[in-house]
Amino acid sequence: MNIYPVQMGMTCCYVIHDKGTIMVDSGPPNKLGNFIKNMQKLSIDPKQIRLIVNTHGHYDHIGSARVIKDATGAHIAMHAPDKEWLEKSKPGNSRS
């Protein structure tokens, strides 16, 4: 198993690559370019990412979730109370 830190502006996300590939968190808004560049550096096809796990609903963790989901076709898993923030593109700040 390989765990790669992926710098996404102010936030570091992680790509876990083994028999499958998942991403933990998706960074702040407007970071699709950072994501693509990092995947190229790691020689990982973005389409290999099948799941994005968002740890919580802060903007710096879910801001690019939708565009990365669209680019990869991955499913998104996150806490149910934070789901509305992602769906309405209004990341909240009720958790730390």
N, C-alpha and C. Protein backbone atom coordinates (compact mmCIF):
# COMPACT_ATOMS: atom_id res chain seq x y z
N MET A 1 0.84 -1.17 0.00
CA MET A 1 0.00 0.00 0.00
C MET A 1 0.89 1.24 0.00
N ASN A 2 0.52 2.21 -0.81
CA ASN A 2 1.22 3.48 -0.85
C ASN A 2 0.26 4.60 -0.48
N ILE A 3 0.71 5.50 0.39
CA ILE A 3 -0.07 6.66 0.79
C ILE A 3 0.71 7.89 0.35
N TYR A 4 0.09 8.68 -0.53
CA TYR A 4 0.76 9.85 -1.08
C TYR A 4 0.09 11.13 -0.59
N PRO A 5 0.85 12.05 0.00
CA PRO A 5 0.28 13.36 0.31
C PRO A 5 0.12 14.15 -0.99
N VAL A 6 -0.99 14.84 -1.11
CA VAL A 6 -1.28 15.63 -2.30
C VAL A 6 -1.55 17.06 -1.85
N GLN A 7 -0.65 17.96 -2.17
CA GLN A 7 -0.80 19.36 -1.76
C GLN A 7 -1.89 20.02 -2.59
N MET A 8 -2.89 20.55 -1.91
CA MET A 8 -4.02 21.19 -2.58
C MET A 8 -4.19 22.60 -2.02
N GLY A 9 -3.19 23.43 -2.21
CA GLY A 9 -3.23 24.78 -1.64
C GLY A 9 -2.92 24.71 -0.16
N MET A 10 -3.82 25.23 0.65
CA MET A 10 -3.60 25.26 2.10
C MET A 10 -3.81 23.90 2.77
N THR A 11 -4.33 22.95 2.05
CA THR A 11 -4.68 21.65 2.62
C THR A 11 -3.89 20.54 1.93
N CYS A 12 -3.54 19.56 2.71
CA CYS A 12 -2.91 18.37 2.15
C CYS A 12 -3.94 17.25 2.18
N CYS A 13 -4.19 16.68 1.03
CA CYS A 13 -5.08 15.53 0.91
C CYS A 13 -4.20 14.30 0.75
N TYR A 14 -4.80 13.14 0.68
CA TYR A 14 -4.03 11.91 0.57
C TYR A 14 -4.66 11.00 -0.47
N VAL A 15 -3.81 10.36 -1.24
CA VAL A 15 -4.24 9.32 -2.17
C VAL A 15 -3.66 8.02 -1.66
N ILE A 16 -4.53 7.05 -1.45
CA ILE A 16 -4.12 5.73 -0.97
C ILE A 16 -4.27 4.78 -2.15
N HIS A 17 -3.14 4.18 -2.53
CA HIS A 17 -3.09 3.36 -3.74
C HIS A 17 -2.61 1.96 -3.37
N ASP A 18 -3.48 0.98 -3.61
CA ASP A 18 -3.13 -0.42 -3.36
C ASP A 18 -3.85 -1.24 -4.42
N LYS A 19 -4.73 -2.11 -4.03
CA LYS A 19 -5.50 -2.88 -5.02
C LYS A 19 -6.54 -2.00 -5.69
N GLY A 20 -6.84 -0.88 -5.06
CA GLY A 20 -7.72 0.16 -5.59
C GLY A 20 -7.12 1.49 -5.17
N THR A 21 -7.77 2.56 -5.54
CA THR A 21 -7.25 3.88 -5.22
C THR A 21 -8.37 4.75 -4.65
N ILE A 22 -8.11 5.37 -3.49
CA ILE A 22 -9.07 6.28 -2.89
C ILE A 22 -8.36 7.59 -2.56
N MET A 23 -9.15 8.62 -2.38
CA MET A 23 -8.62 9.92 -2.00
C MET A 23 -9.28 10.33 -0.70
N VAL A 24 -8.48 10.86 0.22
CA VAL A 24 -9.00 11.35 1.50
C VAL A 24 -8.97 12.87 1.44
N ASP A 25 -10.16 13.45 1.51
CA ASP A 25 -10.40 14.89 1.38
C ASP A 25 -10.11 15.33 -0.05
N SER A 26 -10.62 16.52 -0.38
CA SER A 26 -10.51 16.96 -1.77
C SER A 26 -10.08 18.42 -1.90
N GLY A 27 -9.67 19.02 -0.81
CA GLY A 27 -9.09 20.35 -0.88
C GLY A 27 -10.08 21.48 -1.01
N PRO A 28 -9.57 22.71 -0.95
CA PRO A 28 -10.42 23.89 -1.07
C PRO A 28 -10.94 24.05 -2.50
N PRO A 29 -11.86 25.01 -2.71
CA PRO A 29 -12.40 25.22 -4.06
C PRO A 29 -11.31 25.58 -5.07
N ASN A 30 -11.61 25.28 -6.31
CA ASN A 30 -10.77 25.67 -7.46
C ASN A 30 -9.39 25.00 -7.48
N LYS A 31 -9.32 23.76 -7.05
CA LYS A 31 -8.02 23.06 -7.01
C LYS A 31 -7.96 21.86 -7.94
N LEU A 32 -8.83 21.81 -8.94
CA LEU A 32 -8.78 20.70 -9.89
C LEU A 32 -7.42 20.65 -10.59
N GLY A 33 -6.89 21.80 -10.96
CA GLY A 33 -5.57 21.85 -11.61
C GLY A 33 -4.48 21.25 -10.74
N ASN A 34 -4.49 21.59 -9.44
CA ASN A 34 -3.51 21.00 -8.51
C ASN A 34 -3.66 19.49 -8.46
N PHE A 35 -4.91 19.04 -8.41
CA PHE A 35 -5.18 17.61 -8.37
C PHE A 35 -4.62 16.91 -9.60
N ILE A 36 -4.91 17.44 -10.79
CA ILE A 36 -4.44 16.82 -12.03
C ILE A 36 -2.91 16.79 -12.08
N LYS A 37 -2.26 17.90 -11.73
CA LYS A 37 -0.79 17.95 -11.72
C LYS A 37 -0.21 16.91 -10.76
N ASN A 38 -0.80 16.79 -9.58
CA ASN A 38 -0.30 15.82 -8.61
C ASN A 38 -0.49 14.39 -9.09
N MET A 39 -1.60 14.10 -9.73
CA MET A 39 -1.82 12.75 -10.24
C MET A 39 -0.81 12.43 -11.34
N GLN A 40 -0.48 13.42 -12.18
CA GLN A 40 0.53 13.21 -13.21
C GLN A 40 1.89 12.91 -12.58
N LYS A 41 2.26 13.68 -11.55
CA LYS A 41 3.54 13.46 -10.86
C LYS A 41 3.60 12.06 -10.24
N LEU A 42 2.46 11.57 -9.75
CA LEU A 42 2.41 10.24 -9.13
C LEU A 42 2.20 9.13 -10.14
N SER A 43 2.03 9.47 -11.40
CA SER A 43 1.72 8.50 -12.46
C SER A 43 0.46 7.69 -12.14
N ILE A 44 -0.54 8.39 -11.60
CA ILE A 44 -1.84 7.77 -11.31
C ILE A 44 -2.87 8.40 -12.23
N ASP A 45 -3.57 7.58 -12.97
CA ASP A 45 -4.67 8.05 -13.80
C ASP A 45 -5.80 8.47 -12.87
N PRO A 46 -6.29 9.71 -12.95
CA PRO A 46 -7.37 10.14 -12.07
C PRO A 46 -8.57 9.20 -12.07
N LYS A 47 -8.84 8.54 -13.19
CA LYS A 47 -9.97 7.61 -13.28
C LYS A 47 -9.78 6.38 -12.39
N GLN A 48 -8.56 6.16 -11.87
CA GLN A 48 -8.32 5.05 -10.95
C GLN A 48 -8.94 5.33 -9.57
N ILE A 49 -9.17 6.59 -9.26
CA ILE A 49 -9.75 6.93 -7.96
C ILE A 49 -11.23 6.62 -8.02
N ARG A 50 -11.66 5.69 -7.19
CA ARG A 50 -13.05 5.23 -7.21
C ARG A 50 -13.85 5.76 -6.03
N LEU A 51 -13.16 6.31 -5.01
CA LEU A 51 -13.85 6.79 -3.82
C LEU A 51 -13.11 8.00 -3.26
N ILE A 52 -13.85 9.03 -2.91
CA ILE A 52 -13.32 10.20 -2.21
C ILE A 52 -13.96 10.18 -0.83
N VAL A 53 -13.15 10.12 0.21
CA VAL A 53 -13.64 10.13 1.59
C VAL A 53 -13.35 11.51 2.17
N ASN A 54 -14.41 12.28 2.40
CA ASN A 54 -14.24 13.60 3.00
C ASN A 54 -14.40 13.47 4.51
N THR A 55 -13.38 13.88 5.24
CA THR A 55 -13.36 13.68 6.69
C THR A 55 -14.36 14.57 7.42
N HIS A 56 -14.60 15.76 6.88
CA HIS A 56 -15.60 16.66 7.44
C HIS A 56 -15.91 17.75 6.43
N GLY A 57 -16.92 18.58 6.73
CA GLY A 57 -17.46 19.49 5.74
C GLY A 57 -16.85 20.87 5.65
N HIS A 58 -15.68 21.10 6.20
CA HIS A 58 -15.06 22.42 6.05
C HIS A 58 -14.66 22.65 4.59
N TYR A 59 -14.73 23.91 4.16
CA TYR A 59 -14.48 24.26 2.75
C TYR A 59 -13.12 23.79 2.27
N ASP A 60 -12.11 23.77 3.17
CA ASP A 60 -10.77 23.37 2.74
C ASP A 60 -10.62 21.86 2.60
N HIS A 61 -11.68 21.12 2.94
CA HIS A 61 -11.66 19.66 2.79
C HIS A 61 -12.64 19.17 1.72
N ILE A 62 -13.67 19.98 1.40
CA ILE A 62 -14.67 19.53 0.41
C ILE A 62 -14.84 20.48 -0.77
N GLY A 63 -14.13 21.59 -0.78
CA GLY A 63 -14.34 22.62 -1.79
C GLY A 63 -14.18 22.15 -3.23
N SER A 64 -13.28 21.21 -3.48
CA SER A 64 -13.07 20.71 -4.85
C SER A 64 -13.67 19.32 -5.07
N ALA A 65 -14.48 18.86 -4.13
CA ALA A 65 -15.03 17.50 -4.22
C ALA A 65 -15.84 17.29 -5.50
N ARG A 66 -16.70 18.23 -5.82
CA ARG A 66 -17.58 18.04 -6.98
C ARG A 66 -16.79 17.97 -8.29
N VAL A 67 -15.81 18.87 -8.47
CA VAL A 67 -15.05 18.85 -9.73
C VAL A 67 -14.13 17.63 -9.82
N ILE A 68 -13.60 17.19 -8.68
CA ILE A 68 -12.77 15.98 -8.69
C ILE A 68 -13.65 14.75 -8.94
N LYS A 69 -14.83 14.74 -8.36
CA LYS A 69 -15.77 13.64 -8.62
C LYS A 69 -16.08 13.58 -10.11
N ASP A 70 -16.35 14.73 -10.72
CA ASP A 70 -16.66 14.77 -12.15
C ASP A 70 -15.47 14.30 -12.99
N ALA A 71 -14.25 14.65 -12.58
CA ALA A 71 -13.05 14.28 -13.34
C ALA A 71 -12.69 12.81 -13.19
N THR A 72 -13.08 12.20 -12.07
CA THR A 72 -12.67 10.83 -11.79
C THR A 72 -13.78 9.81 -11.94
N GLY A 73 -15.02 10.25 -11.75
CA GLY A 73 -16.14 9.32 -11.70
C GLY A 73 -16.27 8.65 -10.35
N ALA A 74 -15.50 9.10 -9.36
CA ALA A 74 -15.49 8.50 -8.02
C ALA A 74 -16.80 8.79 -7.28
N HIS A 75 -17.10 7.93 -6.34
CA HIS A 75 -18.18 8.17 -5.39
C HIS A 75 -17.61 9.00 -4.24
N ILE A 76 -18.49 9.68 -3.52
CA ILE A 76 -18.07 10.47 -2.36
C ILE A 76 -18.71 9.89 -1.12
N ALA A 77 -17.89 9.71 -0.07
CA ALA A 77 -18.38 9.28 1.24
C ALA A 77 -18.05 10.38 2.24
N MET A 78 -19.06 10.72 3.06
CA MET A 78 -18.83 11.74 4.09
C MET A 78 -19.92 11.63 5.15
N HIS A 79 -19.73 12.33 6.25
CA HIS A 79 -20.72 12.32 7.33
C HIS A 79 -22.05 12.87 6.82
N ALA A 80 -23.13 12.21 7.19
CA ALA A 80 -24.46 12.64 6.75
C ALA A 80 -24.78 14.10 7.11
N PRO A 81 -24.44 14.59 8.32
CA PRO A 81 -24.76 15.99 8.64
C PRO A 81 -24.02 16.99 7.75
N ASP A 82 -22.91 16.61 7.16
CA ASP A 82 -22.13 17.51 6.30
C ASP A 82 -22.55 17.43 4.84
N LYS A 83 -23.36 16.45 4.50
CA LYS A 83 -23.75 16.20 3.12
C LYS A 83 -24.42 17.42 2.48
N GLU A 84 -25.26 18.10 3.22
CA GLU A 84 -25.96 19.27 2.69
C GLU A 84 -24.98 20.36 2.27
N TRP A 85 -23.90 20.53 3.01
CA TRP A 85 -22.90 21.54 2.68
C TRP A 85 -22.31 21.26 1.30
N LEU A 86 -22.02 20.00 1.04
CA LEU A 86 -21.46 19.64 -0.26
C LEU A 86 -22.51 19.81 -1.37
N GLU A 87 -23.72 19.36 -1.12
CA GLU A 87 -24.77 19.44 -2.13
C GLU A 87 -25.12 20.88 -2.50
N LYS A 88 -25.06 21.78 -1.52
CA LYS A 88 -25.42 23.17 -1.76
C LYS A 88 -24.20 24.05 -2.02
N SER A 89 -23.03 23.42 -2.10
CA SER A 89 -21.78 24.15 -2.31
C SER A 89 -21.58 25.26 -1.28
N LYS A 90 -21.99 24.96 -0.05
CA LYS A 90 -21.82 25.91 1.05
C LYS A 90 -21.16 25.19 2.21
N PRO A 91 -19.86 24.89 2.08
CA PRO A 91 -19.18 24.20 3.17
C PRO A 91 -19.34 24.94 4.49
N GLY A 92 -19.66 24.18 5.50
CA GLY A 92 -19.92 24.76 6.81
C GLY A 92 -18.68 24.84 7.67
N ASN A 93 -18.90 25.15 8.89
CA ASN A 93 -17.81 25.32 9.82
C ASN A 93 -18.24 24.92 11.23
N SER A 94 -19.11 23.93 11.35
CA SER A 94 -19.62 23.56 12.66
C SER A 94 -18.78 22.51 13.36
N ARG A 95 -17.83 21.91 12.66
CA ARG A 95 -16.97 20.89 13.25
C ARG A 95 -15.53 21.31 13.15
N SER A 96 -14.71 20.72 13.97
CA SER A 96 -13.25 20.95 13.89
C SER A 96 -12.58 19.69 13.44
